[in-house]
Amino acid sequence: MADIKFEIEKEIGFIAESAKGWNKELNLISWNGKDAKYDLRDWAPGHEKMGKGVTLSKEELKKLRDILNGMEL
């Protein structure tokens, strides 16, 4: 499996903490030297390990925001 390189350019927000102590976070991340995208996933303390997540462009994040704003929660 190829080595994945990442740089967290901006920590945007904490969502929740799991029972095992990992944090679900929204961050702006550059993956393998590419342009940064918005990323929602679980992280181990210190960001040394990561879980599966979702990576979104700015346009995709705006569409998600619009969907969430239209929901009655």
N, C-alpha and C. Protein backbone atom coordinates (compact mmCIF):
# COMPACT_ATOMS: atom_id res chain seq x y z
N MET A 1 0.84 -1.18 0.00
CA MET A 1 0.00 0.00 0.00
C MET A 1 0.89 1.24 0.00
N ALA A 2 0.55 2.22 -0.81
CA ALA A 2 1.34 3.44 -0.93
C ALA A 2 1.27 4.27 0.35
N ASP A 3 2.36 4.96 0.63
CA ASP A 3 2.42 5.84 1.78
C ASP A 3 1.61 7.10 1.50
N ILE A 4 0.69 7.44 2.38
CA ILE A 4 -0.15 8.62 2.21
C ILE A 4 0.45 9.76 3.01
N LYS A 5 0.69 10.89 2.34
CA LYS A 5 1.23 12.06 3.00
C LYS A 5 0.11 13.09 3.12
N PHE A 6 0.07 13.77 4.25
CA PHE A 6 -0.95 14.79 4.45
C PHE A 6 -0.38 15.93 5.28
N GLU A 7 -0.97 17.10 5.08
CA GLU A 7 -0.64 18.27 5.90
C GLU A 7 -1.95 18.94 6.28
N ILE A 8 -2.19 19.03 7.57
CA ILE A 8 -3.38 19.73 8.05
C ILE A 8 -3.07 21.22 7.99
N GLU A 9 -3.70 21.91 7.02
CA GLU A 9 -3.44 23.34 6.83
C GLU A 9 -4.23 24.18 7.81
N LYS A 10 -5.43 23.70 8.19
CA LYS A 10 -6.25 24.46 9.13
C LYS A 10 -7.16 23.50 9.88
N GLU A 11 -7.14 23.56 11.20
CA GLU A 11 -8.08 22.80 12.03
C GLU A 11 -9.32 23.66 12.19
N ILE A 12 -10.42 23.22 11.60
CA ILE A 12 -11.63 24.04 11.55
C ILE A 12 -12.54 23.80 12.75
N GLY A 13 -12.78 22.52 13.07
CA GLY A 13 -13.69 22.29 14.19
C GLY A 13 -13.72 20.86 14.67
N PHE A 14 -13.99 20.73 15.97
CA PHE A 14 -14.17 19.46 16.65
C PHE A 14 -15.65 19.11 16.62
N ILE A 15 -15.99 17.86 16.27
CA ILE A 15 -17.39 17.42 16.20
C ILE A 15 -17.75 16.59 17.44
N ALA A 16 -16.95 15.55 17.70
CA ALA A 16 -17.26 14.64 18.81
C ALA A 16 -16.03 13.80 19.15
N GLU A 17 -16.07 13.18 20.33
CA GLU A 17 -15.02 12.25 20.74
C GLU A 17 -15.62 10.85 20.84
N SER A 18 -14.92 9.87 20.29
CA SER A 18 -15.41 8.49 20.33
C SER A 18 -15.04 7.84 21.67
N ALA A 19 -15.59 6.67 21.90
CA ALA A 19 -15.31 5.92 23.14
C ALA A 19 -13.84 5.54 23.25
N LYS A 20 -13.17 5.38 22.10
CA LYS A 20 -11.75 5.01 22.16
C LYS A 20 -10.83 6.23 22.23
N GLY A 21 -11.41 7.43 22.34
CA GLY A 21 -10.62 8.64 22.53
C GLY A 21 -10.21 9.36 21.26
N TRP A 22 -10.71 8.91 20.11
CA TRP A 22 -10.42 9.59 18.85
C TRP A 22 -11.41 10.73 18.66
N ASN A 23 -10.99 11.78 17.95
CA ASN A 23 -11.84 12.93 17.70
C ASN A 23 -12.32 12.98 16.26
N LYS A 24 -13.60 13.23 16.09
CA LYS A 24 -14.15 13.50 14.75
C LYS A 24 -13.96 14.99 14.51
N GLU A 25 -13.26 15.34 13.42
CA GLU A 25 -12.89 16.73 13.16
C GLU A 25 -13.15 17.12 11.72
N LEU A 26 -13.40 18.41 11.52
CA LEU A 26 -13.43 19.00 10.18
C LEU A 26 -12.16 19.82 10.05
N ASN A 27 -11.35 19.48 9.05
CA ASN A 27 -10.07 20.15 8.81
C ASN A 27 -9.91 20.46 7.33
N LEU A 28 -8.99 21.36 7.03
CA LEU A 28 -8.58 21.64 5.66
C LEU A 28 -7.24 20.95 5.48
N ILE A 29 -7.19 19.93 4.59
CA ILE A 29 -6.02 19.07 4.48
C ILE A 29 -5.54 18.98 3.03
N SER A 30 -4.22 19.03 2.89
CA SER A 30 -3.57 18.77 1.61
C SER A 30 -3.12 17.31 1.63
N TRP A 31 -3.62 16.52 0.68
CA TRP A 31 -3.28 15.10 0.58
C TRP A 31 -2.26 14.91 -0.53
N ASN A 32 -1.14 14.30 -0.21
CA ASN A 32 -0.08 13.98 -1.18
C ASN A 32 0.35 15.19 -2.00
N GLY A 33 0.43 16.36 -1.35
CA GLY A 33 0.92 17.57 -2.00
C GLY A 33 -0.07 18.26 -2.91
N LYS A 34 -1.30 17.78 -2.97
CA LYS A 34 -2.32 18.39 -3.84
C LYS A 34 -3.00 19.55 -3.11
N ASP A 35 -3.86 20.28 -3.84
CA ASP A 35 -4.60 21.39 -3.24
C ASP A 35 -5.41 20.88 -2.06
N ALA A 36 -5.48 21.71 -1.02
CA ALA A 36 -6.20 21.33 0.20
C ALA A 36 -7.69 21.20 -0.05
N LYS A 37 -8.32 20.24 0.65
CA LYS A 37 -9.76 20.03 0.60
C LYS A 37 -10.28 19.91 2.03
N TYR A 38 -11.58 20.08 2.17
CA TYR A 38 -12.22 19.95 3.47
C TYR A 38 -12.38 18.47 3.76
N ASP A 39 -12.08 18.09 4.99
CA ASP A 39 -11.99 16.68 5.34
C ASP A 39 -12.67 16.44 6.69
N LEU A 40 -13.58 15.48 6.71
CA LEU A 40 -14.28 15.10 7.94
C LEU A 40 -13.95 13.64 8.24
N ARG A 41 -13.26 13.39 9.38
CA ARG A 41 -12.88 12.03 9.74
C ARG A 41 -12.48 11.96 11.20
N ASP A 42 -12.30 10.72 11.69
CA ASP A 42 -11.81 10.47 13.04
C ASP A 42 -10.29 10.49 13.05
N TRP A 43 -9.73 11.08 14.10
CA TRP A 43 -8.28 11.16 14.28
C TRP A 43 -7.90 10.66 15.68
N ALA A 44 -6.81 9.92 15.73
CA ALA A 44 -6.23 9.54 17.02
C ALA A 44 -5.60 10.79 17.63
N PRO A 45 -5.39 10.78 18.95
CA PRO A 45 -4.73 11.92 19.58
C PRO A 45 -3.39 12.22 18.90
N GLY A 46 -3.12 13.50 18.65
CA GLY A 46 -1.89 13.90 17.99
C GLY A 46 -1.90 13.74 16.49
N HIS A 47 -3.01 13.32 15.93
CA HIS A 47 -3.16 13.12 14.48
C HIS A 47 -2.16 12.10 13.92
N GLU A 48 -1.74 11.12 14.74
CA GLU A 48 -0.79 10.12 14.23
C GLU A 48 -1.46 9.00 13.45
N LYS A 49 -2.76 8.79 13.68
CA LYS A 49 -3.53 7.80 12.92
C LYS A 49 -4.87 8.40 12.56
N MET A 50 -5.47 7.87 11.47
CA MET A 50 -6.76 8.39 11.03
C MET A 50 -7.70 7.26 10.68
N GLY A 51 -8.99 7.55 10.79
CA GLY A 51 -10.02 6.61 10.36
C GLY A 51 -10.49 6.99 8.96
N LYS A 52 -11.48 6.26 8.49
CA LYS A 52 -12.07 6.58 7.19
C LYS A 52 -12.82 7.89 7.29
N GLY A 53 -12.87 8.60 6.18
CA GLY A 53 -13.53 9.90 6.22
C GLY A 53 -14.06 10.30 4.87
N VAL A 54 -14.48 11.56 4.81
CA VAL A 54 -15.03 12.15 3.59
C VAL A 54 -14.25 13.42 3.29
N THR A 55 -13.81 13.55 2.04
CA THR A 55 -13.08 14.74 1.60
C THR A 55 -13.94 15.47 0.58
N LEU A 56 -14.09 16.79 0.78
CA LEU A 56 -14.97 17.59 -0.06
C LEU A 56 -14.26 18.84 -0.58
N SER A 57 -14.57 19.20 -1.82
CA SER A 57 -14.10 20.48 -2.35
C SER A 57 -14.93 21.59 -1.71
N LYS A 58 -14.52 22.82 -1.93
CA LYS A 58 -15.26 23.96 -1.39
C LYS A 58 -16.69 23.97 -1.92
N GLU A 59 -16.86 23.68 -3.21
CA GLU A 59 -18.19 23.68 -3.82
C GLU A 59 -19.06 22.56 -3.21
N GLU A 60 -18.47 21.39 -2.99
CA GLU A 60 -19.22 20.28 -2.39
C GLU A 60 -19.60 20.61 -0.95
N LEU A 61 -18.71 21.26 -0.23
CA LEU A 61 -19.02 21.64 1.15
C LEU A 61 -20.16 22.66 1.20
N LYS A 62 -20.18 23.59 0.24
CA LYS A 62 -21.28 24.56 0.18
C LYS A 62 -22.61 23.87 -0.09
N LYS A 63 -22.61 22.88 -0.98
CA LYS A 63 -23.85 22.14 -1.27
C LYS A 63 -24.31 21.37 -0.04
N LEU A 64 -23.37 20.77 0.68
CA LEU A 64 -23.72 20.06 1.91
C LEU A 64 -24.30 21.03 2.93
N ARG A 65 -23.69 22.20 3.07
CA ARG A 65 -24.21 23.23 3.98
C ARG A 65 -25.65 23.59 3.63
N ASP A 66 -25.92 23.79 2.33
CA ASP A 66 -27.27 24.14 1.90
C ASP A 66 -28.26 23.03 2.22
N ILE A 67 -27.87 21.79 2.02
CA ILE A 67 -28.74 20.65 2.36
C ILE A 67 -29.03 20.64 3.85
N LEU A 68 -27.98 20.79 4.67
CA LEU A 68 -28.16 20.76 6.12
C LEU A 68 -29.01 21.93 6.61
N ASN A 69 -28.81 23.11 6.01
CA ASN A 69 -29.62 24.28 6.39
C ASN A 69 -31.09 24.08 6.05
N GLY A 70 -31.39 23.28 5.03
CA GLY A 70 -32.77 23.02 4.63
C GLY A 70 -33.46 21.92 5.43
N MET A 71 -32.70 21.24 6.28
CA MET A 71 -33.27 20.15 7.07
C MET A 71 -33.84 20.69 8.38
N GLU A 72 -34.91 20.05 8.82
CA GLU A 72 -35.45 20.37 10.12
C GLU A 72 -34.91 19.36 11.13
N LEU A 73 -34.02 19.82 11.98
CA LEU A 73 -33.38 18.94 12.94
C LEU A 73 -33.95 19.14 14.33
